Protein backbone atom coordinates (compact mmCIF):
# COMPACT_ATOMS: atom_id res chain seq x y z
CA UNK A 1 -9.98 -7.16 -23.52
CA UNK A 2 -7.67 -7.65 -20.56
CA UNK A 3 -9.37 -8.55 -17.30
CA UNK A 4 -8.15 -8.18 -13.74
CA UNK A 5 -8.74 -11.40 -11.82
CA UNK A 6 -9.29 -9.41 -8.63
CA UNK A 7 -12.17 -7.34 -10.09
CA UNK A 8 -15.72 -8.60 -10.60
CA UNK A 9 -16.44 -5.65 -12.90
CA UNK A 10 -13.91 -4.59 -15.55
CA UNK A 11 -15.44 -1.49 -17.14
CA UNK A 12 -16.44 1.60 -15.17
CA UNK A 13 -18.37 4.28 -17.06
CA UNK A 14 -19.75 7.78 -16.69
CA UNK A 15 -21.43 9.11 -19.82
CA UNK A 16 -18.97 9.06 -22.74
CA UNK A 17 -16.07 8.26 -20.38
CA UNK A 18 -14.82 4.95 -19.07
CA UNK A 19 -11.85 3.21 -17.57
CA UNK A 20 -10.96 -0.28 -18.73
CA UNK A 21 -8.03 -2.54 -17.83
CA UNK A 22 -5.02 -0.98 -19.53
CA UNK A 23 -4.93 -1.79 -23.23
CA UNK A 24 -1.74 -2.89 -24.98
CA UNK A 25 -2.70 -0.77 -27.99
CA UNK A 26 -2.46 2.42 -25.88
CA UNK A 27 1.15 1.86 -24.81
CA UNK A 28 2.77 4.26 -27.30
CA UNK A 29 0.33 7.09 -26.58
CA UNK A 30 1.05 6.57 -22.89
CA UNK A 31 4.79 6.62 -23.59
CA UNK A 32 4.46 9.88 -25.54
CA UNK A 33 2.45 11.58 -22.77
CA UNK A 34 4.83 10.37 -20.06
CA UNK A 35 7.83 11.68 -21.97
CA UNK A 36 6.12 15.03 -22.59
CA UNK A 37 5.20 15.36 -18.91
CA UNK A 38 8.30 13.83 -17.34
CA UNK A 39 8.76 16.98 -15.22
CA UNK A 40 6.04 15.93 -12.76
CA UNK A 41 6.53 12.15 -12.82
CA UNK A 42 8.80 9.83 -10.87
CA UNK A 43 10.53 8.93 -14.11
CA UNK A 44 14.24 9.67 -14.39
CA UNK A 45 14.65 9.43 -18.17
CA UNK A 46 12.51 9.36 -21.32
CA UNK A 47 10.87 6.06 -22.18
CA UNK A 48 11.84 4.25 -25.36
CA UNK A 49 9.79 1.90 -27.51
CA UNK A 50 11.91 -1.01 -26.26
CA UNK A 51 11.43 -0.10 -22.59
CA UNK A 52 7.70 0.45 -23.06
CA UNK A 53 7.25 -2.89 -24.82
CA UNK A 54 9.26 -4.62 -22.09
CA UNK A 55 7.16 -3.01 -19.35
CA UNK A 56 3.87 -4.05 -20.95
CA UNK A 57 5.07 -7.55 -21.88
CA UNK A 58 6.77 -8.38 -18.58
CA UNK A 59 5.18 -6.26 -15.85
CA UNK A 60 1.69 -5.18 -16.91
CA UNK A 61 0.73 -8.52 -18.47
CA UNK A 62 1.25 -10.32 -15.14
CA UNK A 63 -0.98 -7.95 -13.16
CA UNK A 64 -4.17 -9.36 -14.68
CA UNK A 65 -3.72 -12.80 -13.11
CA UNK A 66 -2.47 -11.80 -9.67
CA UNK A 67 -4.69 -12.34 -6.64
CA UNK A 68 -3.44 -9.12 -5.03
CA UNK A 69 -1.57 -7.04 -7.61
CA UNK A 70 0.58 -4.12 -6.52
CA UNK A 71 -1.12 -1.95 -9.10
CA UNK A 72 -4.25 -1.83 -11.25
CA UNK A 73 -3.79 0.28 -14.37
CA UNK A 74 -6.56 1.50 -16.65
CA UNK A 75 -6.89 3.17 -20.03
CA UNK A 76 -9.07 6.28 -19.64
CA UNK A 77 -11.38 6.49 -22.65
CA UNK A 78 -13.66 9.09 -24.17
CA UNK A 79 -15.96 7.44 -26.69
CA UNK A 80 -13.61 4.43 -26.77
CA UNK A 81 -10.55 6.60 -27.60
CA UNK A 82 -7.73 6.61 -25.08
CA UNK A 83 -7.19 10.10 -23.66
CA UNK A 84 -5.22 9.12 -20.54
CA UNK A 85 -4.30 6.35 -18.21
CA UNK A 86 -3.78 5.71 -14.54
CA UNK A 87 -4.97 3.66 -11.66
CA UNK A 88 -4.16 2.48 -8.21
CA UNK A 89 -0.46 1.94 -7.54
CA UNK A 90 1.59 0.95 -4.50
CA UNK A 91 -1.47 -0.95 -3.28
CA UNK A 92 -1.08 -1.92 0.36
CA UNK A 93 -3.41 -4.88 0.93
CA UNK A 94 -2.69 -5.05 4.67
CA UNK A 95 -3.60 -1.43 5.40
CA UNK A 96 -6.14 -1.22 2.54
CA UNK A 97 -4.80 1.87 0.83
CA UNK A 98 -3.37 2.82 -2.53
CA UNK A 99 -1.82 5.74 -4.35
CA UNK A 100 -3.63 7.31 -7.29
CA UNK A 101 -1.75 7.65 -10.54
CA UNK A 102 -3.13 9.55 -13.52
CA UNK A 103 -1.81 11.20 -16.65
CA UNK A 104 -3.82 12.52 -19.57
CA UNK A 105 -3.14 13.47 -23.15
CA UNK A 106 -0.84 16.51 -22.90
CA UNK A 107 -3.16 18.65 -25.03
CA UNK A 108 -6.03 17.97 -22.61
CA UNK A 109 -3.73 18.70 -19.67
CA UNK A 110 -3.59 22.28 -20.90
CA UNK A 111 -7.29 22.68 -21.81
CA UNK A 112 -9.47 20.46 -19.62
CA UNK A 113 -7.33 19.49 -16.66
CA UNK A 114 -9.96 19.82 -13.89
CA UNK A 115 -12.68 18.14 -15.94
CA UNK A 116 -10.68 15.02 -16.75
CA UNK A 117 -9.15 14.67 -13.29
CA UNK A 118 -12.66 14.88 -11.83
CA UNK A 119 -14.12 12.25 -14.14
CA UNK A 120 -11.15 9.94 -13.69
CA UNK A 121 -11.36 10.20 -9.90
CA UNK A 122 -15.09 9.43 -9.95
CA UNK A 123 -14.42 6.29 -11.97
CA UNK A 124 -11.38 5.21 -9.98
CA UNK A 125 -13.25 5.60 -6.70
CA UNK A 126 -15.76 3.03 -7.98
CA UNK A 127 -12.86 0.59 -8.32
CA UNK A 128 -11.14 1.50 -5.05
CA UNK A 129 -14.13 1.78 -2.76
CA UNK A 130 -16.91 -0.30 -4.33
CA UNK A 131 -14.92 -3.15 -5.90
CA UNK A 132 -11.82 -3.43 -3.70
CA UNK A 133 -13.26 -1.95 -0.52
CA UNK A 134 -10.06 -0.01 0.14
CA UNK A 135 -10.12 2.23 3.18
CA UNK A 136 -8.08 5.12 1.74
CA UNK A 137 -6.71 6.39 -1.54
CA UNK A 138 -4.23 9.22 -1.94
CA UNK A 139 -2.20 11.34 -4.31
CA UNK A 140 1.54 11.87 -3.95
CA UNK A 141 2.49 14.91 -5.99
CA UNK A 142 5.60 17.03 -6.39
CA UNK A 143 4.74 20.62 -5.52
CA UNK A 144 4.87 21.75 -9.14
CA UNK A 145 1.24 22.08 -10.24
CA UNK A 146 -0.99 24.05 -7.88
CA UNK A 147 -3.94 23.49 -10.23
CA UNK A 148 -3.77 19.76 -9.38
CA UNK A 149 -4.63 20.48 -5.76
CA UNK A 150 -7.64 22.55 -6.79
CA UNK A 151 -8.89 19.73 -9.03
CA UNK A 152 -8.63 17.02 -6.41
CA UNK A 153 -9.86 19.14 -3.52
CA UNK A 154 -13.01 19.86 -5.56
CA UNK A 155 -13.61 16.09 -5.48
CA UNK A 156 -13.39 15.91 -1.69
CA UNK A 157 -9.72 15.06 -1.20
CA UNK A 158 -8.11 16.56 1.89
CA UNK A 159 -4.54 17.76 2.17
CA UNK A 160 -3.05 15.36 4.67
CA UNK A 161 0.67 16.00 4.59
CA UNK A 162 3.49 18.04 3.17
CA UNK A 163 6.80 16.24 2.95
CA UNK A 164 9.26 19.12 3.04
CA UNK A 165 12.01 19.14 0.43
CA UNK A 166 11.31 15.49 -0.25
CA UNK A 167 12.44 15.25 -3.89
CA UNK A 168 15.28 16.77 -5.89
CA UNK A 169 14.02 18.24 -9.13
CA UNK A 170 15.59 20.61 -11.64
CA UNK A 171 18.44 21.48 -9.29
CA UNK A 172 16.20 22.21 -6.27
CA UNK A 173 14.50 20.31 -3.49
CA UNK A 174 10.71 20.29 -3.81
CA UNK A 175 7.95 19.45 -1.37
CA UNK A 176 5.65 16.49 -1.92
CA UNK A 177 1.99 17.07 -1.10
CA UNK A 178 -0.31 14.21 -0.17
CA UNK A 179 -4.09 14.43 -0.50
CA UNK A 180 -6.37 11.64 0.70
CA UNK A 181 -9.93 10.43 0.56
CA UNK A 182 -11.43 7.85 2.88
CA UNK A 183 -13.99 5.24 1.91
CA UNK A 184 -17.38 6.69 2.80
CA UNK A 185 -19.28 3.82 1.17
CA UNK A 186 -19.13 1.74 4.29
CA UNK A 187 -16.38 -0.61 5.31
């Protein structure tokens, strides 16, 4: 299993669900889901096997040894089977904040969106607040999926900002909505 040097604990669990440092074996499932859901990601073109292998071999592999990595990525497992992935990205170690990234199996996206976002956030908050003692975590989402805001607001995230017409998507400018949660575990 991969291990992040910066983390004392590597596996975070809740019942049948867990997040573990991103597994190389999950890379093609992740590629498939990203390509299927490209419409809401900051990804300009479909991923290829070559690009995915390069990313894991040259970018992801180095994150495990870094003292202060710019991102911590996790495989999201249900009974040891990968059903999504995500983590903390754009980590700002000076201001102690990070953006949340998460994508799940496309079939689950349609059936159990709120459930899996909720579980993933619970697990990721253990990493962000208990392990890393970050002050703030946030989502940065194109205004395309109103059900996302419901899911994260149910977990205590507050709408902090709307960046008007911030991204160009499908021939139109779209807003970006930012939701945040502060560390309430003490700092």
